[in-house]
Amino acid sequence: MFWDNELQAAAIQTLLDRTGRFRGQTLFQQGQITDAFFRLYKRRRSFADGERILLEVALDFWNGSGKARFSELYMLNLFEREDIFALYQALCEGPHAILDWIEGKPQE
């Protein structure tokens, strides 16, 4: 899905950081998913729906195994949904678009 692990990890961490729901946590770094992510992911059922969905989306972006349901995205706020869709659009356009998305540059 991504072209390299560093870019993939940076994009997913950026997505999670922008939500403000996972403050101060480094869940993806140096091109790798961290143990901290998996500890959170194992507890996802105890979180509010929004946090659970975001963790599932993050794992879907990582390796497709998060099993996030499109039909549940309405539970996220508008900005979270827009960020998910914008990241997906950037993926379709290539690495330069992903870098622009990470840097917060508007998509054309």
C-alpha atoms as a PDB file:
ATOM      1  CA  MET A   1       0.000   0.000   0.000  1.00  0.00           C
ATOM      2  CA  PHE A   2       2.808   2.395   0.903  1.00  0.00           C
ATOM      3  CA  TRP A   3       6.150   2.638  -0.849  1.00  0.00           C
ATOM      4  CA  ASP A   4       8.346   2.351   2.223  1.00  0.00           C
ATOM      5  CA  ASN A   5       7.900   1.592   5.907  1.00  0.00           C
ATOM      6  CA  GLU A   6       9.265   4.949   7.130  1.00  0.00           C
ATOM      7  CA  LEU A   7       6.691   6.884   5.109  1.00  0.00           C
ATOM      8  CA  GLN A   8       3.963   4.469   6.130  1.00  0.00           C
ATOM      9  CA  ALA A   9       4.768   4.763   9.843  1.00  0.00           C
ATOM     10  CA  ALA A  10       5.022   8.562   9.631  1.00  0.00           C
ATOM     11  CA  ALA A  11       1.665   8.840   7.871  1.00  0.00           C
ATOM     12  CA  ILE A  12      -0.162   6.605  10.350  1.00  0.00           C
ATOM     13  CA  GLN A  13       1.396   8.316  13.372  1.00  0.00           C
ATOM     14  CA  THR A  14       0.413  11.686  11.869  1.00  0.00           C
ATOM     15  CA  LEU A  15      -3.155  10.470  11.421  1.00  0.00           C
ATOM     16  CA  LEU A  16      -3.347   9.340  15.047  1.00  0.00           C
ATOM     17  CA  ASP A  17      -1.638  12.496  16.335  1.00  0.00           C
ATOM     18  CA  ARG A  18      -4.078  14.760  14.510  1.00  0.00           C
ATOM     19  CA  THR A  19      -7.045  13.168  16.266  1.00  0.00           C
ATOM     20  CA  GLY A  20      -5.759  14.291  19.655  1.00  0.00           C
ATOM     21  CA  ARG A  21      -7.056  11.024  21.118  1.00  0.00           C
ATOM     22  CA  PHE A  22      -3.656   9.406  21.609  1.00  0.00           C
ATOM     23  CA  ARG A  23      -1.637  12.240  23.134  1.00  0.00           C
ATOM     24  CA  GLY A  24       2.010  11.695  23.878  1.00  0.00           C
ATOM     25  CA  GLN A  25       2.084   8.183  22.508  1.00  0.00           C
ATOM     26  CA  THR A  26       4.450   7.029  19.822  1.00  0.00           C
ATOM     27  CA  LEU A  27       2.669   4.157  18.158  1.00  0.00           C
ATOM     28  CA  PHE A  28       4.627   4.100  14.915  1.00  0.00           C
ATOM     29  CA  GLN A  29       8.260   5.141  14.648  1.00  0.00           C
ATOM     30  CA  GLN A  30      11.334   4.567  12.525  1.00  0.00           C
ATOM     31  CA  GLY A  31       9.350   2.611   9.990  1.00  0.00           C
ATOM     32  CA  GLN A  32       7.909   0.198  12.531  1.00  0.00           C
ATOM     33  CA  ILE A  33       4.752  -0.371  14.485  1.00  0.00           C
ATOM     34  CA  THR A  34       5.573  -0.242  18.211  1.00  0.00           C
ATOM     35  CA  ASP A  35       4.708  -2.498  21.126  1.00  0.00           C
ATOM     36  CA  ALA A  36       2.789   0.453  22.569  1.00  0.00           C
ATOM     37  CA  PHE A  37       0.411   0.251  19.614  1.00  0.00           C
ATOM     38  CA  PHE A  38      -0.249  -3.436  20.165  1.00  0.00           C
ATOM     39  CA  ARG A  39      -0.823  -2.892  23.898  1.00  0.00           C
ATOM     40  CA  LEU A  40      -3.444  -0.255  23.040  1.00  0.00           C
ATOM     41  CA  TYR A  41      -4.909  -2.356  20.247  1.00  0.00           C
ATOM     42  CA  LYS A  42      -5.439  -5.322  22.570  1.00  0.00           C
ATOM     43  CA  ARG A  43      -7.509  -3.054  24.856  1.00  0.00           C
ATOM     44  CA  ARG A  44      -9.464  -1.443  21.991  1.00  0.00           C
ATOM     45  CA  ARG A  45     -12.785  -2.970  23.037  1.00  0.00           C
ATOM     46  CA  SER A  46     -12.609  -1.055  26.320  1.00  0.00           C
ATOM     47  CA  PHE A  47     -12.248   2.299  24.521  1.00  0.00           C
ATOM     48  CA  ALA A  48     -14.957   4.553  23.209  1.00  0.00           C
ATOM     49  CA  ASP A  49     -16.030   3.668  19.689  1.00  0.00           C
ATOM     50  CA  GLY A  50     -14.011   6.484  18.130  1.00  0.00           C
ATOM     51  CA  GLU A  51     -10.710   5.355  19.627  1.00  0.00           C
ATOM     52  CA  ARG A  52     -11.385   1.735  18.708  1.00  0.00           C
ATOM     53  CA  ILE A  53     -12.209   2.644  15.124  1.00  0.00           C
ATOM     54  CA  LEU A  54      -9.110   4.834  14.776  1.00  0.00           C
ATOM     55  CA  LEU A  55      -6.856   2.035  16.029  1.00  0.00           C
ATOM     56  CA  GLU A  56      -8.494  -0.389  13.588  1.00  0.00           C
ATOM     57  CA  VAL A  57      -8.072   2.087  10.724  1.00  0.00           C
ATOM     58  CA  ALA A  58      -4.415   2.575  11.677  1.00  0.00           C
ATOM     59  CA  LEU A  59      -3.811  -1.171  11.580  1.00  0.00           C
ATOM     60  CA  ASP A  60      -5.653  -1.385   8.268  1.00  0.00           C
ATOM     61  CA  PHE A  61      -3.329   1.252   6.830  1.00  0.00           C
ATOM     62  CA  TRP A  62      -0.379  -0.707   8.269  1.00  0.00           C
ATOM     63  CA  ASN A  63      -1.147  -4.226   7.058  1.00  0.00           C
ATOM     64  CA  GLY A  64      -4.846  -4.585   6.364  1.00  0.00           C
ATOM     65  CA  SER A  65      -5.614  -6.555   9.512  1.00  0.00           C
ATOM     66  CA  GLY A  66      -7.469  -3.904  11.523  1.00  0.00           C
ATOM     67  CA  LYS A  67     -10.883  -4.857  10.164  1.00  0.00           C
ATOM     68  CA  ALA A  68     -12.300  -1.353  10.456  1.00  0.00           C
ATOM     69  CA  ARG A  69     -15.799  -1.180   9.038  1.00  0.00           C
ATOM     70  CA  PHE A  70     -16.630   1.567   6.594  1.00  0.00           C
ATOM     71  CA  SER A  71     -20.138   1.663   8.059  1.00  0.00           C
ATOM     72  CA  GLU A  72     -18.711   2.702  11.456  1.00  0.00           C
ATOM     73  CA  LEU A  73     -16.785   5.733  10.229  1.00  0.00           C
ATOM     74  CA  TYR A  74     -19.827   7.926  10.912  1.00  0.00           C
ATOM     75  CA  MET A  75     -18.964   7.550  14.624  1.00  0.00           C
ATOM     76  CA  LEU A  76     -15.809   9.615  14.059  1.00  0.00           C
ATOM     77  CA  ASN A  77     -15.936  13.367  13.944  1.00  0.00           C
ATOM     78  CA  LEU A  78     -15.844  15.188  10.633  1.00  0.00           C
ATOM     79  CA  PHE A  79     -12.148  16.071  10.858  1.00  0.00           C
ATOM     80  CA  GLU A  80     -11.124  12.491  11.614  1.00  0.00           C
ATOM     81  CA  ARG A  81     -13.136  11.171   8.669  1.00  0.00           C
ATOM     82  CA  GLU A  82     -11.715  13.839   6.372  1.00  0.00           C
ATOM     83  CA  ASP A  83      -8.158  12.975   7.455  1.00  0.00           C
ATOM     84  CA  ILE A  84      -8.712   9.265   6.819  1.00  0.00           C
ATOM     85  CA  PHE A  85     -10.139   9.914   3.366  1.00  0.00           C
ATOM     86  CA  ALA A  86      -7.437  12.463   2.538  1.00  0.00           C
ATOM     87  CA  LEU A  87      -4.711   9.993   3.526  1.00  0.00           C
ATOM     88  CA  TYR A  88      -6.339   7.329   1.382  1.00  0.00           C
ATOM     89  CA  GLN A  89      -6.496   9.763  -1.544  1.00  0.00           C
ATOM     90  CA  ALA A  90      -2.823  10.609  -1.042  1.00  0.00           C
ATOM     91  CA  LEU A  91      -2.021   6.884  -1.125  1.00  0.00           C
ATOM     92  CA  CYS A  92      -3.700   6.683  -4.507  1.00  0.00           C
ATOM     93  CA  GLU A  93      -1.594   9.576  -5.811  1.00  0.00           C
ATOM     94  CA  GLY A  94       1.819   8.430  -4.602  1.00  0.00           C
ATOM     95  CA  PRO A  95       4.613   9.203  -2.145  1.00  0.00           C
ATOM     96  CA  HIS A  96       4.765  12.931  -2.937  1.00  0.00           C
ATOM     97  CA  ALA A  97       1.082  13.291  -2.043  1.00  0.00           C
ATOM     98  CA  ILE A  98       1.595  11.379   1.203  1.00  0.00           C
ATOM     99  CA  LEU A  99       4.454  13.700   2.165  1.00  0.00           C
ATOM    100  CA  ASP A 100       2.273  16.713   1.351  1.00  0.00           C
ATOM    101  CA  TRP A 101      -0.521  15.253   3.504  1.00  0.00           C
ATOM    102  CA  ILE A 102       1.874  14.673   6.424  1.00  0.00           C
ATOM    103  CA  GLU A 103       3.124  18.256   6.125  1.00  0.00           C
ATOM    104  CA  GLY A 104      -0.441  19.558   6.045  1.00  0.00           C
ATOM    105  CA  LYS A 105      -0.276  20.945   2.535  1.00  0.00           C
ATOM    106  CA  PRO A 106      -3.650  21.201   0.813  1.00  0.00           C
ATOM    107  CA  GLN A 107      -4.374  18.513  -1.746  1.00  0.00           C
ATOM    108  CA  GLU A 108      -4.963  19.649  -5.283  1.00  0.00           C
END
